[in-house]
N, C-alpha and C. Protein backbone atom coordinates (compact mmCIF):
# COMPACT_ATOMS: atom_id res chain seq x y z
N MET A 1 36.47 12.55 -57.43
CA MET A 1 35.46 11.54 -57.62
C MET A 1 35.83 10.29 -56.83
N LYS A 2 34.85 9.74 -56.15
CA LYS A 2 35.05 8.52 -55.37
C LYS A 2 34.61 7.33 -56.21
N THR A 3 35.36 6.24 -56.10
CA THR A 3 35.02 5.02 -56.85
C THR A 3 34.62 3.93 -55.89
N VAL A 4 33.43 3.42 -56.08
CA VAL A 4 32.88 2.30 -55.32
C VAL A 4 32.91 1.09 -56.24
N THR A 5 33.34 -0.05 -55.73
CA THR A 5 33.40 -1.26 -56.53
C THR A 5 32.28 -2.21 -56.13
N LEU A 6 31.53 -2.66 -57.12
CA LEU A 6 30.50 -3.67 -56.91
C LEU A 6 31.02 -4.99 -57.45
N PHE A 7 31.26 -5.94 -56.55
CA PHE A 7 31.63 -7.29 -56.95
C PHE A 7 30.32 -8.07 -57.14
N HIS A 8 30.18 -8.67 -58.31
CA HIS A 8 28.94 -9.35 -58.68
C HIS A 8 29.29 -10.51 -59.60
N SER A 9 28.26 -11.23 -60.00
CA SER A 9 28.43 -12.27 -61.01
C SER A 9 27.22 -12.27 -61.93
N GLN A 10 27.46 -12.53 -63.19
CA GLN A 10 26.36 -12.60 -64.15
C GLN A 10 25.40 -13.74 -63.84
N ILE A 11 25.87 -14.78 -63.15
CA ILE A 11 25.01 -15.93 -62.86
C ILE A 11 24.33 -15.84 -61.49
N CYS A 12 24.48 -14.72 -60.82
CA CYS A 12 23.91 -14.51 -59.48
C CYS A 12 22.65 -13.66 -59.59
N PRO A 13 21.47 -14.25 -59.36
CA PRO A 13 20.22 -13.47 -59.46
C PRO A 13 20.18 -12.30 -58.48
N ARG A 14 20.69 -12.50 -57.28
CA ARG A 14 20.71 -11.41 -56.28
C ARG A 14 21.56 -10.25 -56.77
N CYS A 15 22.64 -10.57 -57.45
CA CYS A 15 23.54 -9.54 -57.98
C CYS A 15 22.84 -8.72 -59.05
N GLN A 16 22.03 -9.36 -59.86
CA GLN A 16 21.31 -8.64 -60.92
C GLN A 16 20.35 -7.63 -60.31
N VAL A 17 19.67 -8.02 -59.25
CA VAL A 17 18.76 -7.10 -58.55
C VAL A 17 19.56 -5.94 -57.96
N SER A 18 20.68 -6.24 -57.31
CA SER A 18 21.51 -5.20 -56.71
C SER A 18 22.05 -4.24 -57.76
N LYS A 19 22.48 -4.76 -58.89
CA LYS A 19 22.98 -3.91 -59.98
C LYS A 19 21.90 -2.95 -60.46
N ARG A 20 20.70 -3.45 -60.61
CA ARG A 20 19.59 -2.61 -61.08
C ARG A 20 19.25 -1.53 -60.05
N LEU A 21 19.20 -1.89 -58.78
CA LEU A 21 18.91 -0.91 -57.74
C LEU A 21 20.00 0.14 -57.64
N LEU A 22 21.24 -0.30 -57.73
CA LEU A 22 22.37 0.63 -57.65
C LEU A 22 22.36 1.59 -58.84
N ALA A 23 22.04 1.09 -60.03
CA ALA A 23 21.95 1.95 -61.21
C ALA A 23 20.90 3.04 -61.00
N GLY A 24 19.83 2.70 -60.31
CA GLY A 24 18.79 3.70 -60.01
C GLY A 24 19.25 4.76 -59.03
N LEU A 25 20.23 4.43 -58.20
CA LEU A 25 20.76 5.39 -57.22
C LEU A 25 21.86 6.29 -57.80
N GLU A 26 22.53 5.83 -58.83
CA GLU A 26 23.69 6.55 -59.37
C GLU A 26 23.41 8.02 -59.70
N PRO A 27 22.27 8.38 -60.29
CA PRO A 27 22.03 9.80 -60.58
C PRO A 27 21.99 10.69 -59.33
N ASP A 28 21.66 10.11 -58.19
CA ASP A 28 21.63 10.87 -56.93
C ASP A 28 23.02 11.12 -56.36
N PHE A 29 24.03 10.44 -56.89
CA PHE A 29 25.40 10.54 -56.37
C PHE A 29 26.38 10.79 -57.52
N PRO A 30 26.33 11.98 -58.12
CA PRO A 30 27.19 12.26 -59.28
C PRO A 30 28.67 12.25 -58.95
N GLU A 31 29.01 12.37 -57.68
CA GLU A 31 30.42 12.38 -57.26
C GLU A 31 30.98 10.96 -57.06
N VAL A 32 30.12 9.96 -57.29
CA VAL A 32 30.53 8.57 -57.08
C VAL A 32 30.51 7.83 -58.43
N ARG A 33 31.61 7.17 -58.70
CA ARG A 33 31.71 6.32 -59.89
C ARG A 33 31.61 4.87 -59.42
N VAL A 34 30.78 4.08 -60.09
CA VAL A 34 30.61 2.67 -59.72
C VAL A 34 31.37 1.81 -60.73
N GLU A 35 32.30 1.04 -60.20
CA GLU A 35 33.04 0.08 -61.01
C GLU A 35 32.42 -1.29 -60.75
N ARG A 36 32.01 -1.95 -61.80
CA ARG A 36 31.40 -3.28 -61.67
C ARG A 36 32.44 -4.33 -62.03
N VAL A 37 32.69 -5.25 -61.08
CA VAL A 37 33.73 -6.27 -61.27
C VAL A 37 33.09 -7.65 -61.18
N GLU A 38 33.29 -8.44 -62.23
CA GLU A 38 32.80 -9.82 -62.27
C GLU A 38 33.64 -10.66 -61.30
N TYR A 39 32.98 -11.16 -60.28
CA TYR A 39 33.64 -11.91 -59.21
C TYR A 39 34.37 -13.15 -59.72
N LEU A 40 33.71 -13.94 -60.54
CA LEU A 40 34.26 -15.23 -60.96
C LEU A 40 35.51 -15.11 -61.81
N THR A 41 35.69 -14.01 -62.50
CA THR A 41 36.89 -13.83 -63.32
C THR A 41 37.92 -12.93 -62.66
N ASN A 42 37.63 -12.50 -61.43
CA ASN A 42 38.55 -11.63 -60.68
C ASN A 42 38.66 -12.09 -59.23
N LEU A 43 38.83 -13.39 -59.03
CA LEU A 43 38.87 -13.95 -57.68
C LEU A 43 40.01 -13.39 -56.84
N GLY A 44 41.17 -13.18 -57.44
CA GLY A 44 42.30 -12.62 -56.70
C GLY A 44 42.02 -11.22 -56.23
N ARG A 45 41.46 -10.42 -57.09
CA ARG A 45 41.11 -9.05 -56.71
C ARG A 45 40.06 -9.04 -55.61
N ALA A 46 39.07 -9.92 -55.74
CA ALA A 46 38.03 -10.01 -54.71
C ALA A 46 38.64 -10.43 -53.38
N ARG A 47 39.53 -11.41 -53.40
CA ARG A 47 40.19 -11.87 -52.17
C ARG A 47 40.98 -10.72 -51.55
N ASP A 48 41.73 -10.00 -52.38
CA ASP A 48 42.54 -8.87 -51.87
C ASP A 48 41.67 -7.78 -51.25
N ALA A 49 40.44 -7.63 -51.76
CA ALA A 49 39.52 -6.63 -51.23
C ALA A 49 38.75 -7.14 -50.02
N GLY A 50 38.93 -8.41 -49.67
CA GLY A 50 38.25 -8.98 -48.52
C GLY A 50 36.82 -9.40 -48.80
N VAL A 51 36.50 -9.60 -50.07
CA VAL A 51 35.13 -9.99 -50.46
C VAL A 51 34.98 -11.49 -50.24
N ARG A 52 33.93 -11.87 -49.49
CA ARG A 52 33.69 -13.27 -49.19
C ARG A 52 32.37 -13.77 -49.77
N SER A 53 31.53 -12.84 -50.19
CA SER A 53 30.26 -13.21 -50.80
C SER A 53 29.86 -12.12 -51.79
N ILE A 54 28.92 -12.46 -52.63
CA ILE A 54 28.43 -11.46 -53.58
C ILE A 54 26.91 -11.38 -53.47
N PRO A 55 26.37 -10.24 -53.72
CA PRO A 55 26.99 -8.98 -54.13
C PRO A 55 27.66 -8.28 -52.94
N THR A 56 28.72 -7.54 -53.24
CA THR A 56 29.42 -6.75 -52.23
C THR A 56 29.84 -5.42 -52.83
N LEU A 57 29.55 -4.35 -52.11
CA LEU A 57 30.04 -3.01 -52.45
C LEU A 57 31.27 -2.74 -51.61
N VAL A 58 32.31 -2.17 -52.21
CA VAL A 58 33.55 -1.90 -51.50
C VAL A 58 33.98 -0.46 -51.78
N TYR A 59 34.35 0.23 -50.71
CA TYR A 59 34.99 1.54 -50.81
C TYR A 59 36.09 1.57 -49.76
N GLY A 60 37.32 1.49 -50.18
CA GLY A 60 38.43 1.42 -49.23
C GLY A 60 38.28 0.19 -48.35
N GLU A 61 38.24 0.41 -47.05
CA GLU A 61 38.07 -0.69 -46.11
C GLU A 61 36.61 -0.98 -45.80
N ARG A 62 35.71 -0.12 -46.26
CA ARG A 62 34.28 -0.29 -46.00
C ARG A 62 33.68 -1.30 -46.98
N LYS A 63 32.79 -2.14 -46.46
CA LYS A 63 32.12 -3.13 -47.30
C LYS A 63 30.64 -3.21 -46.91
N LEU A 64 29.83 -3.46 -47.92
CA LEU A 64 28.42 -3.75 -47.71
C LEU A 64 28.12 -5.01 -48.49
N SER A 65 27.72 -6.05 -47.79
CA SER A 65 27.39 -7.30 -48.47
C SER A 65 26.22 -7.96 -47.75
N GLY A 66 25.62 -8.88 -48.43
CA GLY A 66 24.50 -9.59 -47.83
C GLY A 66 23.78 -10.40 -48.89
N ILE A 67 22.83 -11.19 -48.45
CA ILE A 67 22.05 -12.00 -49.37
C ILE A 67 21.36 -11.08 -50.38
N VAL A 68 20.78 -10.00 -49.87
CA VAL A 68 20.15 -9.00 -50.74
C VAL A 68 20.61 -7.63 -50.27
N LEU A 69 21.15 -6.84 -51.19
CA LEU A 69 21.48 -5.45 -50.89
C LEU A 69 20.26 -4.61 -51.25
N THR A 70 19.66 -4.01 -50.24
CA THR A 70 18.47 -3.21 -50.49
C THR A 70 18.85 -1.82 -50.98
N LYS A 71 17.91 -1.17 -51.61
CA LYS A 71 18.14 0.20 -52.07
C LYS A 71 18.47 1.10 -50.88
N LYS A 72 17.77 0.89 -49.78
CA LYS A 72 17.99 1.70 -48.58
C LYS A 72 19.40 1.49 -48.03
N SER A 73 19.86 0.24 -47.96
CA SER A 73 21.20 -0.02 -47.41
C SER A 73 22.28 0.53 -48.34
N MET A 74 22.07 0.43 -49.64
CA MET A 74 23.06 0.97 -50.58
C MET A 74 23.08 2.49 -50.52
N ARG A 75 21.91 3.12 -50.39
CA ARG A 75 21.85 4.58 -50.27
C ARG A 75 22.62 5.03 -49.02
N ARG A 76 22.42 4.35 -47.90
CA ARG A 76 23.14 4.70 -46.67
C ARG A 76 24.64 4.54 -46.85
N PHE A 77 25.06 3.49 -47.52
CA PHE A 77 26.48 3.24 -47.79
C PHE A 77 27.06 4.40 -48.60
N LEU A 78 26.37 4.79 -49.65
CA LEU A 78 26.86 5.87 -50.51
C LEU A 78 26.84 7.23 -49.81
N GLU A 79 25.83 7.47 -49.00
CA GLU A 79 25.75 8.75 -48.28
C GLU A 79 26.88 8.90 -47.27
N ALA A 80 27.37 7.78 -46.75
CA ALA A 80 28.41 7.82 -45.72
C ALA A 80 29.82 7.97 -46.30
N LEU A 81 29.96 8.00 -47.61
CA LEU A 81 31.29 8.11 -48.22
C LEU A 81 31.90 9.48 -47.97
């Protein structure tokens, strides 16, 4: 099983949208486990992962971040794992 980490914040409206879209994709990727990490309470971990903005998806050295993570961009990220 592959684990993808979503760095987000409860106070980030864009993150809430990304979380909802990602949850909708999860059934299509049963081999992927999504770990949700609160950015503001895990700043050291986010820094170590190279996260500079939220929302950000991380798998190893691969990252997907942006103002808005679209369903299409997240699907492509997951398909490429």
